[in-house]
Amino acid sequence: MPLGAGELKGAWATSKSNAATTQKSSQWSFGYIHNLSKRTAVYATLARVGNSGGANAVLNGATAVANSSSTGYDIGLRHTF
């Protein structure tokens, strides 16, 4: 969604297993991209994964523990040549 000189972004995803135990993982994320010029932008994103039923999904290679959650963020500068 356009917002000022940038864009606001969001996503939500869920995964459910049909195994004997119903493993379920849900993830949401929100981010903002701010255009500094036609070719340069700064960005930031926050994401969180929640697990239940023995699921162990994580963000960016974190240590997997069943039924726990994982939170991550990124901040950066993008320039296209």
PDB file of N, CA and C in Angstrom:
ATOM      1  N   MET A   1       0.847  -1.153   0.000  1.00  0.00           N
ATOM      2  CA  MET A   1       0.000   0.000   0.000  1.00  0.00           C
ATOM      3  C   MET A   1       0.908   1.236   0.000  1.00  0.00           C
ATOM      4  N   PRO A   2       0.723   2.155  -0.928  1.00  0.00           N
ATOM      5  CA  PRO A   2       1.505   3.397  -0.935  1.00  0.00           C
ATOM      6  C   PRO A   2       1.243   4.212   0.335  1.00  0.00           C
ATOM      7  N   LEU A   3       2.312   4.766   0.887  1.00  0.00           N
ATOM      8  CA  LEU A   3       2.181   5.564   2.099  1.00  0.00           C
ATOM      9  C   LEU A   3       3.272   6.621   2.070  1.00  0.00           C
ATOM     10  N   GLY A   4       2.917   7.857   1.797  1.00  0.00           N
ATOM     11  CA  GLY A   4       3.888   8.932   1.711  1.00  0.00           C
ATOM     12  C   GLY A   4       4.888   8.690   0.597  1.00  0.00           C
ATOM     13  N   ALA A   5       6.176   8.755   0.920  1.00  0.00           N
ATOM     14  CA  ALA A   5       7.234   8.542  -0.063  1.00  0.00           C
ATOM     15  C   ALA A   5       7.635   7.073  -0.157  1.00  0.00           C
ATOM     16  N   GLY A   6       6.844   6.173   0.408  1.00  0.00           N
ATOM     17  CA  GLY A   6       7.217   4.758   0.410  1.00  0.00           C
ATOM     18  C   GLY A   6       6.041   3.828   0.293  1.00  0.00           C
ATOM     19  N   GLU A   7       6.237   2.603   0.777  1.00  0.00           N
ATOM     20  CA  GLU A   7       5.211   1.566   0.719  1.00  0.00           C
ATOM     21  C   GLU A   7       5.159   0.821   2.043  1.00  0.00           C
ATOM     22  N   LEU A   8       3.952   0.533   2.497  1.00  0.00           N
ATOM     23  CA  LEU A   8       3.721  -0.287   3.676  1.00  0.00           C
ATOM     24  C   LEU A   8       3.349  -1.681   3.187  1.00  0.00           C
ATOM     25  N   LYS A   9       3.995  -2.711   3.720  1.00  0.00           N
ATOM     26  CA  LYS A   9       3.741  -4.078   3.278  1.00  0.00           C
ATOM     27  C   LYS A   9       3.391  -4.957   4.463  1.00  0.00           C
ATOM     28  N   GLY A  10       2.582  -5.964   4.222  1.00  0.00           N
ATOM     29  CA  GLY A  10       2.206  -6.909   5.269  1.00  0.00           C
ATOM     30  C   GLY A  10       1.923  -8.271   4.679  1.00  0.00           C
ATOM     31  N   ALA A  11       2.103  -9.310   5.484  1.00  0.00           N
ATOM     32  CA  ALA A  11       1.832 -10.677   5.033  1.00  0.00           C
ATOM     33  C   ALA A  11       1.441 -11.533   6.228  1.00  0.00           C
ATOM     34  N   TRP A  12       0.646 -12.572   5.962  1.00  0.00           N
ATOM     35  CA  TRP A  12       0.273 -13.552   6.974  1.00  0.00           C
ATOM     36  C   TRP A  12       0.210 -14.901   6.287  1.00  0.00           C
ATOM     37  N   ALA A  13       0.744 -15.926   6.922  1.00  0.00           N
ATOM     38  CA  ALA A  13       0.733 -17.280   6.354  1.00  0.00           C
ATOM     39  C   ALA A  13       0.516 -18.278   7.471  1.00  0.00           C
ATOM     40  N   THR A  14      -0.074 -19.415   7.124  1.00  0.00           N
ATOM     41  CA  THR A  14      -0.280 -20.485   8.097  1.00  0.00           C
ATOM     42  C   THR A  14      -0.017 -21.827   7.430  1.00  0.00           C
ATOM     43  N   SER A  15       0.433 -22.787   8.224  1.00  0.00           N
ATOM     44  CA  SER A  15       0.715 -24.134   7.747  1.00  0.00           C
ATOM     45  C   SER A  15       0.194 -25.118   8.781  1.00  0.00           C
ATOM     46  N   LYS A  16      -0.505 -26.164   8.316  1.00  0.00           N
ATOM     47  CA  LYS A  16      -1.087 -27.147   9.225  1.00  0.00           C
ATOM     48  C   LYS A  16      -0.792 -28.542   8.695  1.00  0.00           C
ATOM     49  N   SER A  17      -0.400 -29.442   9.573  1.00  0.00           N
ATOM     50  CA  SER A  17      -0.069 -30.819   9.204  1.00  0.00           C
ATOM     51  C   SER A  17      -1.277 -31.728   9.397  1.00  0.00           C
ATOM     52  N   ASN A  18      -1.386 -32.760   8.558  1.00  0.00           N
ATOM     53  CA  ASN A  18      -2.454 -33.753   8.697  1.00  0.00           C
ATOM     54  C   ASN A  18      -1.947 -35.011   9.392  1.00  0.00           C
ATOM     55  N   ALA A  19      -0.807 -34.922  10.055  1.00  0.00           N
ATOM     56  CA  ALA A  19      -0.231 -36.058  10.771  1.00  0.00           C
ATOM     57  C   ALA A  19      -1.074 -36.384  11.998  1.00  0.00           C
ATOM     58  N   ALA A  20      -0.668 -37.416  12.733  1.00  0.00           N
ATOM     59  CA  ALA A  20      -1.402 -37.846  13.931  1.00  0.00           C
ATOM     60  C   ALA A  20      -1.545 -36.695  14.931  1.00  0.00           C
ATOM     61  N   THR A  21      -0.485 -35.905  15.101  1.00  0.00           N
ATOM     62  CA  THR A  21      -0.579 -34.700  15.930  1.00  0.00           C
ATOM     63  C   THR A  21      -0.725 -33.516  14.984  1.00  0.00           C
ATOM     64  N   THR A  22      -1.634 -32.654  15.261  1.00  0.00           N
ATOM     65  CA  THR A  22      -1.900 -31.524  14.378  1.00  0.00           C
ATOM     66  C   THR A  22      -0.914 -30.403  14.650  1.00  0.00           C
ATOM     67  N   GLN A  23       0.168 -30.371  13.881  1.00  0.00           N
ATOM     68  CA  GLN A  23       1.166 -29.318  14.003  1.00  0.00           C
ATOM     69  C   GLN A  23       0.703 -28.111  13.208  1.00  0.00           C
ATOM     70  N   LYS A  24       0.818 -26.928  13.803  1.00  0.00           N
ATOM     71  CA  LYS A  24       0.373 -25.714  13.133  1.00  0.00           C
ATOM     72  C   LYS A  24       1.379 -24.591  13.376  1.00  0.00           C
ATOM     73  N   SER A  25       1.732 -23.894  12.301  1.00  0.00           N
ATOM     74  CA  SER A  25       2.610 -22.730  12.382  1.00  0.00           C
ATOM     75  C   SER A  25       1.926 -21.558  11.695  1.00  0.00           C
ATOM     76  N   SER A  26       2.030 -20.388  12.291  1.00  0.00           N
ATOM     77  CA  SER A  26       1.485 -19.171  11.698  1.00  0.00           C
ATOM     78  C   SER A  26       2.564 -18.093  11.719  1.00  0.00           C
ATOM     79  N   GLN A  27       2.637 -17.318  10.638  1.00  0.00           N
ATOM     80  CA  GLN A  27       3.625 -16.251  10.555  1.00  0.00           C
ATOM     81  C   GLN A  27       2.957 -14.972  10.083  1.00  0.00           C
ATOM     82  N   TRP A  28       3.356 -13.851  10.679  1.00  0.00           N
ATOM     83  CA  TRP A  28       2.931 -12.535  10.185  1.00  0.00           C
ATOM     84  C   TRP A  28       4.170 -11.676  10.038  1.00  0.00           C
ATOM     85  N   SER A  29       4.086 -10.719   9.136  1.00  0.00           N
ATOM     86  CA  SER A  29       5.193  -9.775   8.957  1.00  0.00           C
ATOM     87  C   SER A  29       4.655  -8.435   8.472  1.00  0.00           C
ATOM     88  N   PHE A  30       5.351  -7.371   8.874  1.00  0.00           N
ATOM     89  CA  PHE A  30       5.034  -6.020   8.444  1.00  0.00           C
ATOM     90  C   PHE A  30       6.338  -5.319   8.092  1.00  0.00           C
ATOM     91  N   GLY A  31       6.293  -4.505   7.058  1.00  0.00           N
ATOM     92  CA  GLY A  31       7.488  -3.787   6.658  1.00  0.00           C
ATOM     93  C   GLY A  31       7.159  -2.455   6.019  1.00  0.00           C
ATOM     94  N   TYR A  32       8.180  -1.629   5.916  1.00  0.00           N
ATOM     95  CA  TYR A  32       8.040  -0.325   5.280  1.00  0.00           C
ATOM     96  C   TYR A  32       9.268  -0.069   4.429  1.00  0.00           C
ATOM     97  N   ILE A  33       9.053   0.426   3.222  1.00  0.00           N
ATOM     98  CA  ILE A  33      10.123   0.819   2.309  1.00  0.00           C
ATOM     99  C   ILE A  33       9.981   2.315   2.081  1.00  0.00           C
ATOM    100  N   HIS A  34      11.040   3.060   2.369  1.00  0.00           N
ATOM    101  CA  HIS A  34      11.019   4.519   2.189  1.00  0.00           C
ATOM    102  C   HIS A  34      11.968   4.882   1.053  1.00  0.00           C
ATOM    103  N   ASN A  35      11.430   5.443  -0.015  1.00  0.00           N
ATOM    104  CA  ASN A  35      12.233   5.825  -1.173  1.00  0.00           C
ATOM    105  C   ASN A  35      12.963   7.126  -0.896  1.00  0.00           C
ATOM    106  N   LEU A  36      14.290   7.072  -0.950  1.00  0.00           N
ATOM    107  CA  LEU A  36      15.107   8.264  -0.772  1.00  0.00           C
ATOM    108  C   LEU A  36      15.295   8.994  -2.096  1.00  0.00           C
ATOM    109  N   SER A  37      15.326   8.228  -3.187  1.00  0.00           N
ATOM    110  CA  SER A  37      15.433   8.775  -4.536  1.00  0.00           C
ATOM    111  C   SER A  37      14.825   7.750  -5.495  1.00  0.00           C
ATOM    112  N   LYS A  38      14.995   7.980  -6.780  1.00  0.00           N
ATOM    113  CA  LYS A  38      14.435   7.090  -7.789  1.00  0.00           C
ATOM    114  C   LYS A  38      15.047   5.683  -7.707  1.00  0.00           C
ATOM    115  N   ARG A  39      16.320   5.589  -7.269  1.00  0.00           N
ATOM    116  CA  ARG A  39      17.019   4.307  -7.244  1.00  0.00           C
ATOM    117  C   ARG A  39      17.455   3.839  -5.864  1.00  0.00           C
ATOM    118  N   THR A  40      17.232   4.624  -4.832  1.00  0.00           N
ATOM    119  CA  THR A  40      17.709   4.276  -3.492  1.00  0.00           C
ATOM    120  C   THR A  40      16.549   4.279  -2.490  1.00  0.00           C
ATOM    121  N   ALA A  41      16.542   3.283  -1.622  1.00  0.00           N
ATOM    122  CA  ALA A  41      15.494   3.170  -0.606  1.00  0.00           C
ATOM    123  C   ALA A  41      16.065   2.534   0.654  1.00  0.00           C
ATOM    124  N   VAL A  42      15.473   2.848   1.791  1.00  0.00           N
ATOM    125  CA  VAL A  42      15.761   2.161   3.049  1.00  0.00           C
ATOM    126  C   VAL A  42      14.526   1.335   3.395  1.00  0.00           C
ATOM    127  N   TYR A  43      14.742   0.229   4.101  1.00  0.00           N
ATOM    128  CA  TYR A  43      13.614  -0.637   4.429  1.00  0.00           C
ATOM    129  C   TYR A  43      13.794  -1.250   5.810  1.00  0.00           C
ATOM    130  N   ALA A  44      12.675  -1.669   6.385  1.00  0.00           N
ATOM    131  CA  ALA A  44      12.659  -2.371   7.674  1.00  0.00           C
ATOM    132  C   ALA A  44      11.484  -3.337   7.671  1.00  0.00           C
ATOM    133  N   THR A  45      11.696  -4.515   8.247  1.00  0.00           N
ATOM    134  CA  THR A  45      10.659  -5.539   8.318  1.00  0.00           C
ATOM    135  C   THR A  45      10.717  -6.210   9.685  1.00  0.00           C
ATOM    136  N   LEU A  46       9.555  -6.552  10.228  1.00  0.00           N
ATOM    137  CA  LEU A  46       9.434  -7.299  11.473  1.00  0.00           C
ATOM    138  C   LEU A  46       8.569  -8.517  11.188  1.00  0.00           C
ATOM    139  N   ALA A  47       9.012  -9.696  11.631  1.00  0.00           N
ATOM    140  CA  ALA A  47       8.257 -10.932  11.391  1.00  0.00           C
ATOM    141  C   ALA A  47       8.229 -11.775  12.660  1.00  0.00           C
ATOM    142  N   ARG A  48       7.177 -12.587  12.805  1.00  0.00           N
ATOM    143  CA  ARG A  48       7.041 -13.484  13.970  1.00  0.00           C
ATOM    144  C   ARG A  48       6.351 -14.766  13.526  1.00  0.00           C
ATOM    145  N   VAL A  49       6.894 -15.898  13.988  1.00  0.00           N
ATOM    146  CA  VAL A  49       6.311 -17.217  13.743  1.00  0.00           C
ATOM    147  C   VAL A  49       5.867 -17.783  15.080  1.00  0.00           C
ATOM    148  N   GLY A  50       4.647 -18.294  15.132  1.00  0.00           N
ATOM    149  CA  GLY A  50       4.130 -18.969  16.318  1.00  0.00           C
ATOM    150  C   GLY A  50       3.823 -20.423  15.983  1.00  0.00           C
ATOM    151  N   ASN A  51       4.092 -21.341  16.903  1.00  0.00           N
ATOM    152  CA  ASN A  51       3.902 -22.777  16.676  1.00  0.00           C
ATOM    153  C   ASN A  51       2.996 -23.389  17.730  1.00  0.00           C
ATOM    154  N   SER A  52       2.292 -24.466  17.349  1.00  0.00           N
ATOM    155  CA  SER A  52       1.489 -25.235  18.292  1.00  0.00           C
ATOM    156  C   SER A  52       1.429 -26.678  17.811  1.00  0.00           C
ATOM    157  N   GLY A  53       1.040 -27.585  18.682  1.00  0.00           N
ATOM    158  CA  GLY A  53       0.902 -28.992  18.323  1.00  0.00           C
ATOM    159  C   GLY A  53       2.221 -29.689  18.034  1.00  0.00           C
ATOM    160  N   GLY A  54       3.320 -29.151  18.538  1.00  0.00           N
ATOM    161  CA  GLY A  54       4.621 -29.769  18.314  1.00  0.00           C
ATOM    162  C   GLY A  54       5.383 -29.218  17.120  1.00  0.00           C
ATOM    163  N   ALA A  55       4.837 -28.236  16.429  1.00  0.00           N
ATOM    164  CA  ALA A  55       5.524 -27.632  15.279  1.00  0.00           C
ATOM    165  C   ALA A  55       6.750 -26.865  15.756  1.00  0.00           C
ATOM    166  N   ASN A  56       7.769 -26.751  14.879  1.00  0.00           N
ATOM    167  CA  ASN A  56       8.997 -26.074  15.278  1.00  0.00           C
ATOM    168  C   ASN A  56       9.573 -25.207  14.160  1.00  0.00           C
ATOM    169  N   ALA A  57       8.730 -24.487  13.426  1.00  0.00           N
ATOM    170  CA  ALA A  57       9.195 -23.566  12.384  1.00  0.00           C
ATOM    171  C   ALA A  57       9.865 -22.359  13.038  1.00  0.00           C
ATOM    172  N   VAL A  58      10.941 -21.851  12.402  1.00  0.00           N
ATOM    173  CA  VAL A  58      11.677 -20.710  12.937  1.00  0.00           C
ATOM    174  C   VAL A  58      12.035 -19.749  11.808  1.00  0.00           C
ATOM    175  N   LEU A  59      12.523 -18.580  12.169  1.00  0.00           N
ATOM    176  CA  LEU A  59      12.994 -17.586  11.213  1.00  0.00           C
ATOM    177  C   LEU A  59      14.514 -17.602  11.134  1.00  0.00           C
ATOM    178  N   ASN A  60      15.061 -17.527   9.943  1.00  0.00           N
ATOM    179  CA  ASN A  60      16.496 -17.324   9.695  1.00  0.00           C
ATOM    180  C   ASN A  60      17.431 -18.234  10.475  1.00  0.00           C
ATOM    181  N   GLY A  61      17.118 -19.513  10.538  1.00  0.00           N
ATOM    182  CA  GLY A  61      18.038 -20.470  11.141  1.00  0.00           C
ATOM    183  C   GLY A  61      18.144 -20.432  12.650  1.00  0.00           C
ATOM    184  N   ALA A  62      17.174 -19.871  13.327  1.00  0.00           N
ATOM    185  CA  ALA A  62      17.184 -19.873  14.797  1.00  0.00           C
ATOM    186  C   ALA A  62      17.060 -21.311  15.295  1.00  0.00           C
ATOM    187  N   THR A  63      17.362 -21.559  16.547  1.00  0.00           N
ATOM    188  CA  THR A  63      17.246 -22.891  17.129  1.00  0.00           C
ATOM    189  C   THR A  63      15.777 -23.265  17.239  1.00  0.00           C
ATOM    190  N   ALA A  64      15.430 -24.437  16.726  1.00  0.00           N
ATOM    191  CA  ALA A  64      14.041 -24.879  16.699  1.00  0.00           C
ATOM    192  C   ALA A  64      13.668 -25.594  17.995  1.00  0.00           C
ATOM    193  N   VAL A  65      12.621 -25.106  18.654  1.00  0.00           N
ATOM    194  CA  VAL A  65      12.064 -25.734  19.850  1.00  0.00           C
ATOM    195  C   VAL A  65      10.563 -25.856  19.625  1.00  0.00           C
ATOM    196  N   ALA A  66      10.032 -27.055  19.816  1.00  0.00           N
ATOM    197  CA  ALA A  66       8.606 -27.290  19.574  1.00  0.00           C
ATOM    198  C   ALA A  66       7.733 -26.353  20.400  1.00  0.00           C
ATOM    199  N   ASN A  67       6.665 -25.882  19.790  1.00  0.00           N
ATOM    200  CA  ASN A  67       5.642 -25.032  20.419  1.00  0.00           C
ATOM    201  C   ASN A  67       6.150 -23.675  20.887  1.00  0.00           C
ATOM    202  N   SER A  68       7.270 -23.228  20.375  1.00  0.00           N
ATOM    203  CA  SER A  68       7.774 -21.909  20.753  1.00  0.00           C
ATOM    204  C   SER A  68       7.573 -20.935  19.594  1.00  0.00           C
ATOM    205  N   SER A  69       7.957 -19.699  19.801  1.00  0.00           N
ATOM    206  CA  SER A  69       7.827 -18.699  18.741  1.00  0.00           C
ATOM    207  C   SER A  69       9.202 -18.155  18.389  1.00  0.00           C
ATOM    208  N   SER A  70       9.273 -17.510  17.244  1.00  0.00           N
ATOM    209  CA  SER A  70      10.520 -16.940  16.750  1.00  0.00           C
ATOM    210  C   SER A  70      10.207 -15.562  16.181  1.00  0.00           C
ATOM    211  N   THR A  71      11.024 -14.574  16.524  1.00  0.00           N
ATOM    212  CA  THR A  71      10.841 -13.207  16.036  1.00  0.00           C
ATOM    213  C   THR A  71      12.120 -12.758  15.346  1.00  0.00           C
ATOM    214  N   GLY A  72      11.969 -12.033  14.233  1.00  0.00           N
ATOM    215  CA  GLY A  72      13.133 -11.531  13.525  1.00  0.00           C
ATOM    216  C   GLY A  72      12.840 -10.185  12.885  1.00  0.00           C
ATOM    217  N   TYR A  73      13.906  -9.490  12.513  1.00  0.00           N
ATOM    218  CA  TYR A  73      13.747  -8.201  11.853  1.00  0.00           C
ATOM    219  C   TYR A  73      14.901  -8.008  10.883  1.00  0.00           C
ATOM    220  N   ASP A  74      14.700  -7.122   9.925  1.00  0.00           N
ATOM    221  CA  ASP A  74      15.789  -6.713   9.049  1.00  0.00           C
ATOM    222  C   ASP A  74      15.649  -5.236   8.750  1.00  0.00           C
ATOM    223  N   ILE A  75      16.804  -4.606   8.584  1.00  0.00           N
ATOM    224  CA  ILE A  75      16.889  -3.189   8.256  1.00  0.00           C
ATOM    225  C   ILE A  75      17.969  -3.072   7.192  1.00  0.00           C
ATOM    226  N   GLY A  76      17.718  -2.289   6.161  1.00  0.00           N
ATOM    227  CA  GLY A  76      18.733  -2.199   5.133  1.00  0.00           C
ATOM    228  C   GLY A  76      18.578  -1.012   4.199  1.00  0.00           C
ATOM    229  N   LEU A  77      19.526  -0.934   3.291  1.00  0.00           N
ATOM    230  CA  LEU A  77      19.572   0.105   2.264  1.00  0.00           C
ATOM    231  C   LEU A  77      19.664  -0.594   0.920  1.00  0.00           C
ATOM    232  N   ARG A  78      18.823  -0.195  -0.029  1.00  0.00           N
ATOM    233  CA  ARG A  78      18.809  -0.806  -1.357  1.00  0.00           C
ATOM    234  C   ARG A  78      19.122   0.257  -2.384  1.00  0.00           C
ATOM    235  N   HIS A  79      20.041  -0.063  -3.290  1.00  0.00           N
ATOM    236  CA  HIS A  79      20.369   0.842  -4.398  1.00  0.00           C
ATOM    237  C   HIS A  79      20.444   0.027  -5.677  1.00  0.00           C
ATOM    238  N   THR A  80      19.728   0.439  -6.705  1.00  0.00           N
ATOM    239  CA  THR A  80      19.766  -0.256  -7.983  1.00  0.00           C
ATOM    240  C   THR A  80      20.696   0.498  -8.935  1.00  0.00           C
ATOM    241  N   PHE A  81      21.489  -0.260  -9.700  1.00  0.00           N
ATOM    242  CA  PHE A  81      22.451   0.338 -10.631  1.00  0.00           C
ATOM    243  C   PHE A  81      21.921   0.281 -12.040  1.00  0.00           C
TER     244      PHE A  81
END
